[in-house]
Amino acid sequence: MIHDRDRPSMSAFELPGRRESWLTAAATLGGYGLILAAMFLALFVLPYVAFAA
């Protein structure tokens, strides 16, 4: 099996070597952060506001 550096590897221990890899990782983490923030708002903040009003 030949490893070339152009293809993204699935190894968790290799740091991405190209800028596009970092952008993809940042966008993925940002997307998960937005989803988690929306879930937090829907599950905790909105019921609190609804019962406090």
Protein backbone atom coordinates (compact mmCIF):
# COMPACT_ATOMS: atom_id res chain seq x y z
CA MET A 1 0.00 0.00 0.00
CA ILE A 2 1.53 3.27 -1.15
CA HIS A 3 1.10 6.39 0.94
CA ASP A 4 1.19 9.67 -0.95
CA ARG A 5 0.87 12.94 0.94
CA ASP A 6 -1.71 14.45 -1.43
CA ARG A 7 -4.57 12.27 -0.30
CA PRO A 8 -6.11 13.01 3.10
CA SER A 9 -5.30 10.18 5.48
CA MET A 10 -7.75 8.84 8.02
CA SER A 11 -5.08 8.53 10.72
CA ALA A 12 -5.88 10.51 13.84
CA PHE A 13 -2.19 10.88 14.69
CA GLU A 14 -1.10 12.67 11.51
CA LEU A 15 -1.42 16.42 11.41
CA PRO A 16 -2.89 17.72 8.16
CA GLY A 17 -0.13 19.08 5.99
CA ARG A 18 -2.06 21.39 3.73
CA ARG A 19 -4.03 24.54 4.43
CA GLU A 20 -7.21 23.04 2.94
CA SER A 21 -7.08 20.27 5.52
CA TRP A 22 -6.97 22.81 8.34
CA LEU A 23 -9.86 24.76 6.80
CA THR A 24 -11.92 21.59 6.49
CA ALA A 25 -11.19 20.64 10.10
CA ALA A 26 -12.05 24.15 11.32
CA ALA A 27 -15.29 24.18 9.32
CA THR A 28 -16.23 20.76 10.70
CA LEU A 29 -15.56 21.82 14.28
CA GLY A 30 -17.40 25.09 13.70
CA GLY A 31 -20.38 23.25 12.30
CA TYR A 32 -20.49 20.91 15.28
CA GLY A 33 -20.17 23.91 17.58
CA LEU A 34 -23.16 25.59 15.92
CA ILE A 35 -25.23 22.41 16.20
CA LEU A 36 -24.32 21.99 19.87
CA ALA A 37 -25.10 25.65 20.59
CA ALA A 38 -28.49 25.33 18.88
CA MET A 39 -29.26 22.17 20.86
CA PHE A 40 -28.26 23.90 24.10
CA LEU A 41 -30.55 26.83 23.29
CA ALA A 42 -33.46 24.57 22.35
CA LEU A 43 -33.11 22.19 25.31
CA PHE A 44 -32.16 24.55 28.14
CA VAL A 45 -32.55 28.25 27.34
CA LEU A 46 -35.94 28.15 25.62
CA PRO A 47 -37.67 26.06 28.33
CA TYR A 48 -36.17 28.34 31.01
CA VAL A 49 -37.48 31.44 29.23
CA ALA A 50 -40.87 29.78 28.68
CA PHE A 51 -41.29 28.82 32.35
CA ALA A 52 -39.83 32.06 33.69
CA ALA A 53 -42.22 34.21 31.66
